[in-house]
């Protein structure tokens, strides 16, 4: 007998992929925005914006790992 088809089809992981993408983009935008505000408030030119963006990427990767990367065991 043949294999049973996957009930999710070819798009079964699309929702998780969009959630991961959204989490990473939201981290970059939120922390980058805070960095930009700190630059404007403290009078620096492009100092805290890249720092905030890097922190946002790190935080987004951590959140994705916590939600999707851990195996149930």
N, C-alpha and C. Protein backbone atom coordinates (compact mmCIF):
# COMPACT_ATOMS: atom_id res chain seq x y z
N UNK A 1 0.83 -1.17 0.00
CA UNK A 1 0.00 0.00 0.00
C UNK A 1 0.89 1.25 0.00
N UNK A 2 0.37 2.32 -0.54
CA UNK A 2 1.13 3.57 -0.63
C UNK A 2 1.10 4.36 0.68
N UNK A 3 1.94 5.36 0.70
CA UNK A 3 1.96 6.25 1.87
C UNK A 3 0.72 7.12 1.90
N UNK A 4 0.32 7.48 3.10
CA UNK A 4 -0.82 8.39 3.23
C UNK A 4 -0.32 9.81 2.99
N UNK A 5 -1.07 10.63 2.30
CA UNK A 5 -0.64 12.00 2.04
C UNK A 5 -0.64 12.82 3.33
N UNK A 6 0.23 13.80 3.35
CA UNK A 6 0.32 14.71 4.49
C UNK A 6 -0.95 15.56 4.52
N UNK A 7 -1.67 15.58 5.65
CA UNK A 7 -2.92 16.34 5.68
C UNK A 7 -2.71 17.85 5.56
N UNK A 8 -1.53 18.33 5.91
CA UNK A 8 -1.27 19.76 5.81
C UNK A 8 -0.91 20.21 4.41
N UNK A 9 -0.54 19.29 3.58
CA UNK A 9 -0.13 19.65 2.23
C UNK A 9 1.22 20.33 2.22
N UNK A 10 1.50 21.04 1.15
CA UNK A 10 2.78 21.70 1.01
C UNK A 10 2.91 22.98 1.82
N UNK A 11 1.82 23.49 2.33
CA UNK A 11 1.83 24.77 3.04
C UNK A 11 1.68 24.59 4.55
N UNK A 12 1.95 23.42 5.07
CA UNK A 12 1.68 23.15 6.48
C UNK A 12 2.55 23.98 7.42
N UNK A 13 3.74 24.39 7.02
CA UNK A 13 4.61 25.16 7.90
C UNK A 13 4.62 26.65 7.61
N UNK A 14 3.73 27.11 6.74
CA UNK A 14 3.74 28.52 6.34
C UNK A 14 3.38 29.44 7.51
N UNK A 15 2.45 29.02 8.35
CA UNK A 15 2.07 29.85 9.49
C UNK A 15 3.21 30.04 10.47
N UNK A 16 3.94 28.97 10.73
CA UNK A 16 5.09 29.07 11.64
C UNK A 16 6.19 29.93 11.01
N UNK A 17 6.38 29.81 9.72
CA UNK A 17 7.41 30.60 9.05
C UNK A 17 7.08 32.09 9.12
N UNK A 18 5.82 32.45 8.92
CA UNK A 18 5.43 33.86 9.02
C UNK A 18 5.54 34.36 10.45
N UNK A 19 5.24 33.50 11.42
CA UNK A 19 5.37 33.90 12.82
C UNK A 19 6.83 34.17 13.18
N UNK A 20 7.73 33.33 12.70
CA UNK A 20 9.16 33.53 12.95
C UNK A 20 9.64 34.82 12.29
N UNK A 21 9.23 35.04 11.04
CA UNK A 21 9.62 36.25 10.32
C UNK A 21 9.09 37.50 11.01
N UNK A 22 7.85 37.45 11.43
CA UNK A 22 7.26 38.59 12.12
C UNK A 22 7.94 38.88 13.45
N UNK A 23 8.31 37.84 14.18
CA UNK A 23 9.00 38.03 15.46
C UNK A 23 10.35 38.69 15.26
N UNK A 24 11.10 38.24 14.27
CA UNK A 24 12.41 38.84 14.01
C UNK A 24 12.30 40.29 13.55
N UNK A 25 11.36 40.57 12.65
CA UNK A 25 11.19 41.93 12.16
C UNK A 25 10.70 42.85 13.28
N UNK A 26 9.79 42.36 14.11
CA UNK A 26 9.29 43.18 15.22
C UNK A 26 10.40 43.51 16.21
N UNK A 27 11.29 42.56 16.46
CA UNK A 27 12.40 42.83 17.36
C UNK A 27 13.33 43.90 16.80
N UNK A 28 13.62 43.81 15.51
CA UNK A 28 14.50 44.80 14.89
C UNK A 28 13.84 46.19 14.92
N UNK A 29 12.57 46.26 14.57
CA UNK A 29 11.89 47.55 14.51
C UNK A 29 11.73 48.16 15.90
N UNK A 30 11.31 47.35 16.87
CA UNK A 30 11.06 47.87 18.21
C UNK A 30 12.35 48.35 18.88
N UNK A 31 13.36 47.49 18.91
CA UNK A 31 14.61 47.88 19.57
C UNK A 31 15.39 48.90 18.76
N UNK A 32 15.30 48.83 17.44
CA UNK A 32 15.92 49.85 16.61
C UNK A 32 15.26 51.20 16.82
N UNK A 33 13.93 51.20 16.97
CA UNK A 33 13.23 52.44 17.26
C UNK A 33 13.61 53.03 18.60
N UNK A 34 13.78 52.17 19.59
CA UNK A 34 14.25 52.66 20.89
C UNK A 34 15.67 53.23 20.78
N UNK A 35 16.50 52.60 19.99
CA UNK A 35 17.84 53.11 19.76
C UNK A 35 17.82 54.45 19.06
N UNK A 36 16.94 54.60 18.09
CA UNK A 36 16.81 55.87 17.38
C UNK A 36 16.34 56.97 18.34
N UNK A 37 15.37 56.65 19.18
CA UNK A 37 14.91 57.63 20.16
C UNK A 37 16.03 58.01 21.13
N UNK A 38 16.82 57.03 21.55
CA UNK A 38 17.96 57.34 22.43
C UNK A 38 18.97 58.23 21.71
N UNK A 39 19.20 57.98 20.42
CA UNK A 39 20.10 58.85 19.65
C UNK A 39 19.59 60.29 19.61
N UNK A 40 18.30 60.44 19.33
CA UNK A 40 17.73 61.78 19.25
C UNK A 40 17.73 62.47 20.61
N UNK A 41 17.43 61.74 21.66
CA UNK A 41 17.34 62.31 22.99
C UNK A 41 18.71 62.72 23.53
N UNK A 42 19.71 61.86 23.30
CA UNK A 42 21.04 62.11 23.85
C UNK A 42 21.94 62.91 22.91
N UNK A 43 21.51 63.14 21.69
CA UNK A 43 22.27 63.96 20.77
C UNK A 43 23.36 63.22 20.01
N UNK A 44 23.31 61.91 19.98
CA UNK A 44 24.28 61.14 19.20
C UNK A 44 23.79 61.00 17.77
N UNK A 45 24.72 60.67 16.90
CA UNK A 45 24.35 60.45 15.51
C UNK A 45 24.65 59.01 15.15
N UNK A 46 23.61 58.20 15.03
CA UNK A 46 23.70 56.81 14.61
C UNK A 46 24.58 55.95 15.52
N UNK A 47 24.45 56.12 16.82
CA UNK A 47 25.19 55.28 17.76
C UNK A 47 24.30 54.17 18.31
N UNK A 48 23.17 54.53 18.84
CA UNK A 48 22.31 53.55 19.50
C UNK A 48 21.36 52.82 18.55
N UNK A 49 21.12 53.36 17.38
CA UNK A 49 20.25 52.68 16.40
C UNK A 49 20.80 51.31 16.03
N UNK A 50 22.06 51.19 15.58
CA UNK A 50 22.55 49.85 15.25
C UNK A 50 22.66 48.94 16.48
N UNK A 51 22.98 49.52 17.63
CA UNK A 51 23.03 48.71 18.85
C UNK A 51 21.65 48.15 19.16
N UNK A 52 20.62 48.98 19.04
CA UNK A 52 19.25 48.52 19.27
C UNK A 52 18.82 47.46 18.27
N UNK A 53 19.23 47.63 17.02
CA UNK A 53 18.86 46.64 16.00
C UNK A 53 19.52 45.29 16.28
N UNK A 54 20.78 45.31 16.69
CA UNK A 54 21.47 44.05 17.02
C UNK A 54 20.81 43.39 18.23
N UNK A 55 20.46 44.20 19.24
CA UNK A 55 19.75 43.64 20.40
C UNK A 55 18.39 43.07 20.00
N UNK A 56 17.72 43.74 19.06
CA UNK A 56 16.43 43.24 18.58
C UNK A 56 16.55 41.91 17.86
N UNK A 57 17.60 41.77 17.05
CA UNK A 57 17.82 40.49 16.36
C UNK A 57 18.11 39.39 17.38
N UNK A 58 18.96 39.71 18.35
CA UNK A 58 19.28 38.71 19.38
C UNK A 58 18.06 38.31 20.18
N UNK A 59 17.26 39.30 20.57
CA UNK A 59 16.04 38.98 21.32
C UNK A 59 15.05 38.20 20.48
N UNK A 60 14.93 38.55 19.21
CA UNK A 60 14.02 37.81 18.33
C UNK A 60 14.45 36.37 18.13
N UNK A 61 15.74 36.15 17.96
CA UNK A 61 16.25 34.78 17.81
C UNK A 61 16.00 33.99 19.08
N UNK A 62 16.21 34.62 20.23
CA UNK A 62 15.95 33.93 21.50
C UNK A 62 14.48 33.55 21.63
N UNK A 63 13.58 34.48 21.29
CA UNK A 63 12.15 34.17 21.39
C UNK A 63 11.74 33.06 20.43
N UNK A 64 12.29 33.07 19.23
CA UNK A 64 11.99 32.00 18.27
C UNK A 64 12.50 30.67 18.79
N UNK A 65 13.69 30.67 19.39
CA UNK A 65 14.23 29.43 19.95
C UNK A 65 13.35 28.91 21.08
N UNK A 66 12.91 29.80 21.96
CA UNK A 66 12.08 29.37 23.09
C UNK A 66 10.75 28.81 22.58
N UNK A 67 10.15 29.44 21.58
CA UNK A 67 8.84 28.99 21.12
C UNK A 67 8.91 27.78 20.19
N UNK A 68 9.86 27.74 19.28
CA UNK A 68 9.87 26.70 18.24
C UNK A 68 11.05 25.75 18.32
N UNK A 69 12.12 26.13 19.00
CA UNK A 69 13.35 25.34 18.93
C UNK A 69 13.47 24.26 19.97
N UNK A 70 12.82 24.42 21.11
CA UNK A 70 12.95 23.42 22.15
C UNK A 70 12.13 22.18 21.80
N UNK A 71 12.72 21.04 22.04
CA UNK A 71 12.01 19.79 21.82
C UNK A 71 11.27 19.41 23.10
N UNK A 72 10.09 18.85 22.94
CA UNK A 72 9.37 18.36 24.11
C UNK A 72 10.03 17.06 24.56
N UNK A 73 10.43 17.02 25.80
CA UNK A 73 11.10 15.82 26.22
C UNK A 73 10.94 15.62 27.64
